[in-house]
Protein backbone atom coordinates (compact mmCIF):
# COMPACT_ATOMS: atom_id res chain seq x y z
CA MET A 1 15.52 29.93 -18.25
CA ALA A 2 15.25 28.63 -21.80
CA GLU A 3 12.22 29.47 -23.87
CA VAL A 4 9.97 26.63 -24.92
CA THR A 5 7.75 26.79 -27.97
CA LEU A 6 4.30 25.29 -28.34
CA LYS A 7 5.73 23.09 -31.07
CA GLU A 8 8.25 21.59 -28.63
CA ILE A 9 5.58 21.08 -25.99
CA HIS A 10 3.35 19.37 -28.54
CA LYS A 11 6.21 17.11 -29.62
CA ASP A 12 6.88 16.17 -25.99
CA LEU A 13 3.20 15.50 -25.31
CA VAL A 14 2.92 13.25 -28.36
CA SER A 15 5.98 11.35 -27.17
CA ILE A 16 4.52 10.95 -23.67
CA LYS A 17 1.23 9.78 -25.16
CA LYS A 18 3.05 7.08 -27.17
CA ASP A 19 4.99 5.98 -24.09
CA MET A 20 1.82 5.78 -22.01
CA HIS A 21 0.16 3.68 -24.70
CA LYS A 22 3.10 1.25 -24.62
CA ILE A 23 2.89 1.03 -20.83
CA LYS A 24 -0.85 0.42 -20.99
CA ILE A 25 -0.38 -2.40 -23.48
CA TYR A 26 2.33 -3.95 -21.34
CA PHE A 27 0.06 -4.11 -18.29
CA GLU A 28 -2.98 -5.54 -20.00
CA GLU A 29 -3.59 -9.06 -18.72
CA ASP A 30 -3.98 -10.60 -22.14
CA TYR A 31 -0.62 -9.22 -23.21
CA LEU A 32 1.08 -10.79 -20.21
CA LYS A 33 -0.11 -14.22 -21.31
CA LEU A 34 -1.23 -15.25 -17.86
CA SER A 35 -2.10 -18.85 -17.22
CA ASP A 36 -5.73 -19.76 -16.72
CA GLU A 37 -5.03 -20.53 -13.07
CA ILE A 38 -3.55 -17.09 -12.45
CA LYS A 39 -6.48 -15.42 -14.24
CA LYS A 40 -8.84 -17.40 -12.01
CA GLN A 41 -6.96 -16.27 -8.88
CA ILE A 42 -7.13 -12.65 -10.06
CA GLU A 43 -10.89 -12.91 -10.55
CA ILE A 44 -11.29 -14.37 -7.06
CA SER A 45 -9.15 -11.65 -5.52
CA ARG A 46 -11.15 -8.93 -7.29
CA LYS A 47 -14.33 -10.29 -5.73
CA THR A 48 -12.85 -10.17 -2.22
CA PRO A 49 -14.41 -7.33 -0.23
CA ILE A 50 -12.01 -4.69 1.02
CA SER A 51 -13.14 -5.40 4.58
CA LYS A 52 -11.63 -8.91 4.29
CA MET A 53 -8.23 -7.57 3.17
CA ILE A 54 -5.34 -6.75 5.46
CA SER A 55 -3.47 -3.47 5.44
CA GLN A 56 0.03 -2.80 4.17
CA ASN A 57 1.15 -2.28 7.77
CA GLU A 58 -0.13 -5.71 8.76
CA VAL A 59 1.75 -7.31 5.88
CA GLU A 60 4.95 -5.50 6.83
CA MET A 61 4.61 -6.53 10.47
CA GLU A 62 4.25 -10.17 9.44
CA PHE A 63 7.14 -10.31 6.98
CA LEU A 64 9.62 -7.66 8.10
């Protein structure tokens, strides 16, 4: 097995941190330039109690 130095690990961690930052920016709603209607629908869906939601299995049974 090849030896890995702390310097290499640090370099990799910095690279991963930069990548994660890019991913985070990509998924921010403002960055996606969502329409006002979609933002409104998201807000409504976030207020929906979990008890009113259906499970993944129920969705699959309906559409598959």
